Protein backbone atom coordinates (compact mmCIF):
# COMPACT_ATOMS: atom_id res chain seq x y z
CA MET A 1 -7.21 52.80 19.49
CA LYS A 2 -5.93 51.89 16.01
CA LYS A 3 -3.50 49.38 17.57
CA ILE A 4 -6.34 47.64 19.44
CA ILE A 5 -8.48 47.39 16.29
CA LEU A 6 -5.49 46.11 14.29
CA THR A 7 -4.70 43.53 17.00
CA LEU A 8 -8.33 42.36 17.06
CA CYS A 9 -8.40 42.03 13.26
CA ILE A 10 -5.16 39.99 13.20
CA THR A 11 -6.43 37.79 16.05
CA GLY A 12 -9.71 37.22 14.17
CA LEU A 13 -7.87 36.23 10.98
CA PHE A 14 -5.63 33.87 12.96
CA LEU A 15 -8.59 32.15 14.66
CA THR A 16 -10.43 31.86 11.33
CA SER A 17 -7.42 30.17 9.71
CA ILE A 18 -7.21 27.69 12.61
CA HIS A 19 -10.91 26.84 12.22
CA VAL A 20 -10.62 26.38 8.44
CA THR A 21 -7.55 24.13 8.65
CA SER A 22 -9.15 21.95 11.34
CA GLN A 23 -11.91 20.94 8.88
CA GLU A 24 -9.56 19.83 6.08
CA VAL A 25 -9.00 16.23 5.07
CA ASP A 26 -6.07 14.69 6.95
CA PRO A 27 -3.94 11.80 5.77
CA GLU A 28 -3.21 8.85 8.03
CA VAL A 29 -0.27 6.58 7.22
CA LEU A 30 -0.01 3.05 8.58
CA ASP A 31 3.23 1.14 7.95
CA THR A 32 3.73 -2.58 8.51
CA LYS A 33 6.61 -4.91 7.73
CA ILE A 34 6.34 -8.71 7.78
CA SER A 35 8.41 -11.67 6.63
CA LYS A 36 6.93 -14.71 4.90
CA SER A 37 8.11 -17.51 2.64
CA TYR A 38 6.77 -19.41 -0.35
CA THR A 39 7.94 -22.45 -2.26
CA ILE A 40 8.02 -22.83 -6.04
CA ASN A 41 8.88 -25.68 -8.36
CA ASP A 42 11.31 -24.52 -11.06
CA GLY A 43 10.91 -27.77 -12.98
CA LYS A 44 13.95 -29.42 -11.39
CA LYS A 45 13.56 -28.85 -7.65
CA LEU A 46 11.55 -27.03 -4.98
CA ILE A 47 12.94 -23.61 -4.09
CA LYS A 48 11.99 -21.82 -0.88
CA ASN A 49 11.94 -18.04 -1.22
CA THR A 50 12.03 -15.66 1.72
CA VAL A 51 9.91 -12.55 1.31
CA GLU A 52 9.90 -9.23 3.18
CA ILE A 53 6.68 -7.26 2.64
CA THR A 54 6.40 -3.59 3.58
CA THR A 55 2.88 -2.21 3.37
CA LYS A 56 2.08 1.49 3.53
CA ARG A 57 -1.63 2.29 3.83
CA LEU A 58 -2.51 5.93 3.16
CA ASN A 59 -5.98 6.63 4.52
CA THR A 60 -7.78 9.84 3.85
CA ILE A 61 -9.49 10.94 7.03
CA GLU A 62 -12.67 12.90 6.48
CA ARG A 63 -14.64 14.39 9.33
CA ASP A 64 -18.41 14.51 9.57
CA GLU A 65 -19.72 17.95 8.60
CA LYS A 66 -22.27 17.96 11.45
CA ASP A 67 -19.36 17.88 13.95
CA GLU A 68 -17.78 21.05 12.58
CA GLY A 69 -16.37 23.15 15.38
CA LYS A 70 -16.33 20.30 17.91
CA ILE A 71 -13.12 19.14 19.54
CA ASP A 72 -13.83 15.41 19.17
CA GLN A 73 -15.11 15.06 15.59
CA ALA A 74 -16.48 11.84 14.13
CA ARG A 75 -14.73 10.30 11.13
CA VAL A 76 -16.36 9.34 7.85
CA VAL A 77 -15.60 5.62 7.75
CA ASP A 78 -16.01 4.70 4.07
CA SER A 79 -12.86 6.37 2.81
CA ILE A 80 -10.76 4.73 0.14
CA ALA A 81 -7.12 4.06 1.03
CA THR A 82 -4.10 3.95 -1.25
CA ILE A 83 -2.01 0.90 -0.47
CA VAL A 84 1.65 0.68 -1.53
CA LYS A 85 3.43 -2.65 -1.11
CA THR A 86 7.15 -3.24 -1.47
CA VAL A 87 8.10 -6.89 -1.80
CA ARG A 88 11.73 -7.98 -1.48
CA ILE A 89 12.46 -11.59 -2.45
CA ASP A 90 15.50 -13.66 -1.51
CA ASN A 91 15.60 -16.76 -3.70
CA ASP A 92 19.03 -18.15 -2.86
CA GLU A 93 21.36 -18.89 0.05
CA ASP A 94 23.09 -15.51 0.46
CA ASP A 95 21.93 -12.66 2.69
CA ASP A 96 20.98 -10.35 -0.19
CA PHE A 97 17.52 -9.85 -1.59
CA ASP A 98 17.44 -10.74 -5.29
CA GLU A 99 14.21 -9.16 -6.50
CA LYS A 100 12.11 -6.12 -5.65
CA ILE A 101 8.50 -5.48 -6.64
CA VAL A 102 6.67 -2.24 -5.78
CA PHE A 103 2.98 -1.96 -6.56
CA SER A 104 0.04 0.17 -5.45
CA TYR A 105 -3.75 0.04 -5.51
CA GLU A 106 -6.80 1.67 -3.96
CA SER A 107 -9.18 -0.22 -1.70
CA LYS A 108 -11.85 0.31 0.95
CA SER A 109 -10.75 -2.76 2.90
CA PRO A 110 -7.30 -4.17 3.57
CA GLU A 111 -6.36 -6.88 1.10
CA ASP A 112 -3.93 -9.61 2.02
CA PHE A 113 -2.63 -10.38 -1.46
CA VAL A 114 0.89 -9.71 -2.64
CA LEU A 115 2.76 -10.05 -5.93
CA VAL A 116 5.70 -12.45 -6.07
CA SER A 117 7.71 -13.95 -8.90
CA LYS A 118 7.41 -17.49 -10.16
CA ASN A 119 9.55 -18.69 -13.06
CA ASP A 120 10.14 -15.14 -14.36
CA GLU A 121 6.54 -13.97 -14.17
CA LEU A 122 4.50 -12.09 -11.58
CA VAL A 123 1.84 -14.08 -9.74
CA VAL A 124 -0.57 -13.33 -6.91
CA ALA A 125 0.04 -14.93 -3.52
CA MET A 126 -2.31 -14.89 -0.53
CA ASP A 127 -1.51 -14.91 3.17
CA ASP A 128 -1.51 -18.46 4.54
CA GLY A 129 -0.31 -18.23 8.16
CA GLU A 130 3.48 -17.90 8.23
CA ASN A 131 3.69 -18.61 4.50
CA LEU A 132 2.34 -17.28 1.26
CA LYS A 133 0.25 -19.47 -1.03
CA ILE A 134 0.45 -18.79 -4.75
CA VAL A 135 -2.99 -18.61 -6.36
CA GLU A 136 -2.57 -21.12 -9.19
CA ASN A 137 -5.87 -20.70 -11.04
CA LEU A 138 -5.68 -16.94 -11.44
CA ASN A 139 -4.76 -14.98 -14.52
CA LEU A 140 -3.83 -11.35 -14.07
CA LYS A 141 -5.44 -9.22 -16.72
CA SER A 142 -3.11 -6.56 -18.07
CA LYS A 143 -4.88 -3.28 -18.68
CA LYS A 144 -2.20 -1.07 -20.22
CA MET A 145 1.51 -0.42 -20.37
CA ASP A 146 2.70 3.09 -19.59
CA ASN A 147 6.31 4.26 -19.11
CA ASP A 148 7.57 0.74 -18.28
CA ARG A 149 4.80 0.44 -15.70
CA ALA A 150 2.14 -2.22 -15.99
CA THR A 151 -1.43 -1.97 -14.75
CA TYR A 152 -3.14 -5.24 -13.86
CA ILE A 153 -6.59 -6.24 -12.66
CA PHE A 154 -6.99 -8.81 -9.90
CA THR A 155 -10.40 -10.17 -8.84
CA ASN A 156 -10.50 -10.88 -5.09
CA GLU A 157 -12.55 -13.55 -3.29
CA GLN A 158 -15.52 -11.16 -2.96
CA GLY A 159 -15.64 -10.72 -6.76
CA GLU A 160 -14.35 -7.14 -6.69
CA ASN A 161 -11.88 -6.05 -9.34
CA ILE A 162 -8.79 -4.43 -7.87
CA GLU A 163 -6.68 -2.49 -10.31
CA PHE A 164 -3.05 -2.16 -9.31
CA LEU A 165 -0.01 -0.52 -10.79
CA VAL A 166 3.38 -2.24 -10.80
CA GLU A 167 5.65 0.72 -10.20
CA GLU A 168 8.91 -1.23 -10.07
CA TYR A 169 9.98 -4.79 -10.84
CA ASN A 170 13.71 -5.32 -10.48
CA LYS A 171 15.08 -8.85 -10.83
CA SER A 172 18.66 -7.89 -10.05
CA TYR A 173 17.88 -5.98 -6.86
CA SER A 174 20.64 -6.19 -4.26
CA HIS A 175 20.14 -4.91 -0.74
CA THR A 176 21.77 -6.64 2.20
CA SER A 177 19.12 -7.97 4.54
CA SER A 178 19.24 -7.62 8.27
CA ARG A 179 18.70 -11.26 9.18
């Protein structure tokens, strides 16, 4: 009799732990990798740079509390995602990437901007078909410097301020591309 009661108690604890973990917030990771190009004028000539952009979007999936216990639970849509972009830039004729920029930000909607370098400074570029278009009339506002990391504020076309953190900016990056 004691074995049956012990088995029932263990089974009850096991089922309770399954129910509790099914209601937790789950992460969803979406990875994309695209290639683009942009052209800059270095004062002497036009230089075409090839860019490889890897985007990792980390969504927090929250489930509606009224669906607790159901198999097919509804998601709460307005969750904020953390977006991490890695930009590799090839600005010469060899097969190696010459620069690497890693930055992250939080957003409710996917943004199509990316940071690239232009004459030794970071600038914002927007998606323009197969190319990137550098936003010329935009000044990035620096918020603070912390451990060689820079935080900037970018105002998108909807007037929202997006704060992003440049986690890495390496001008002498060398990684053989797979072209």
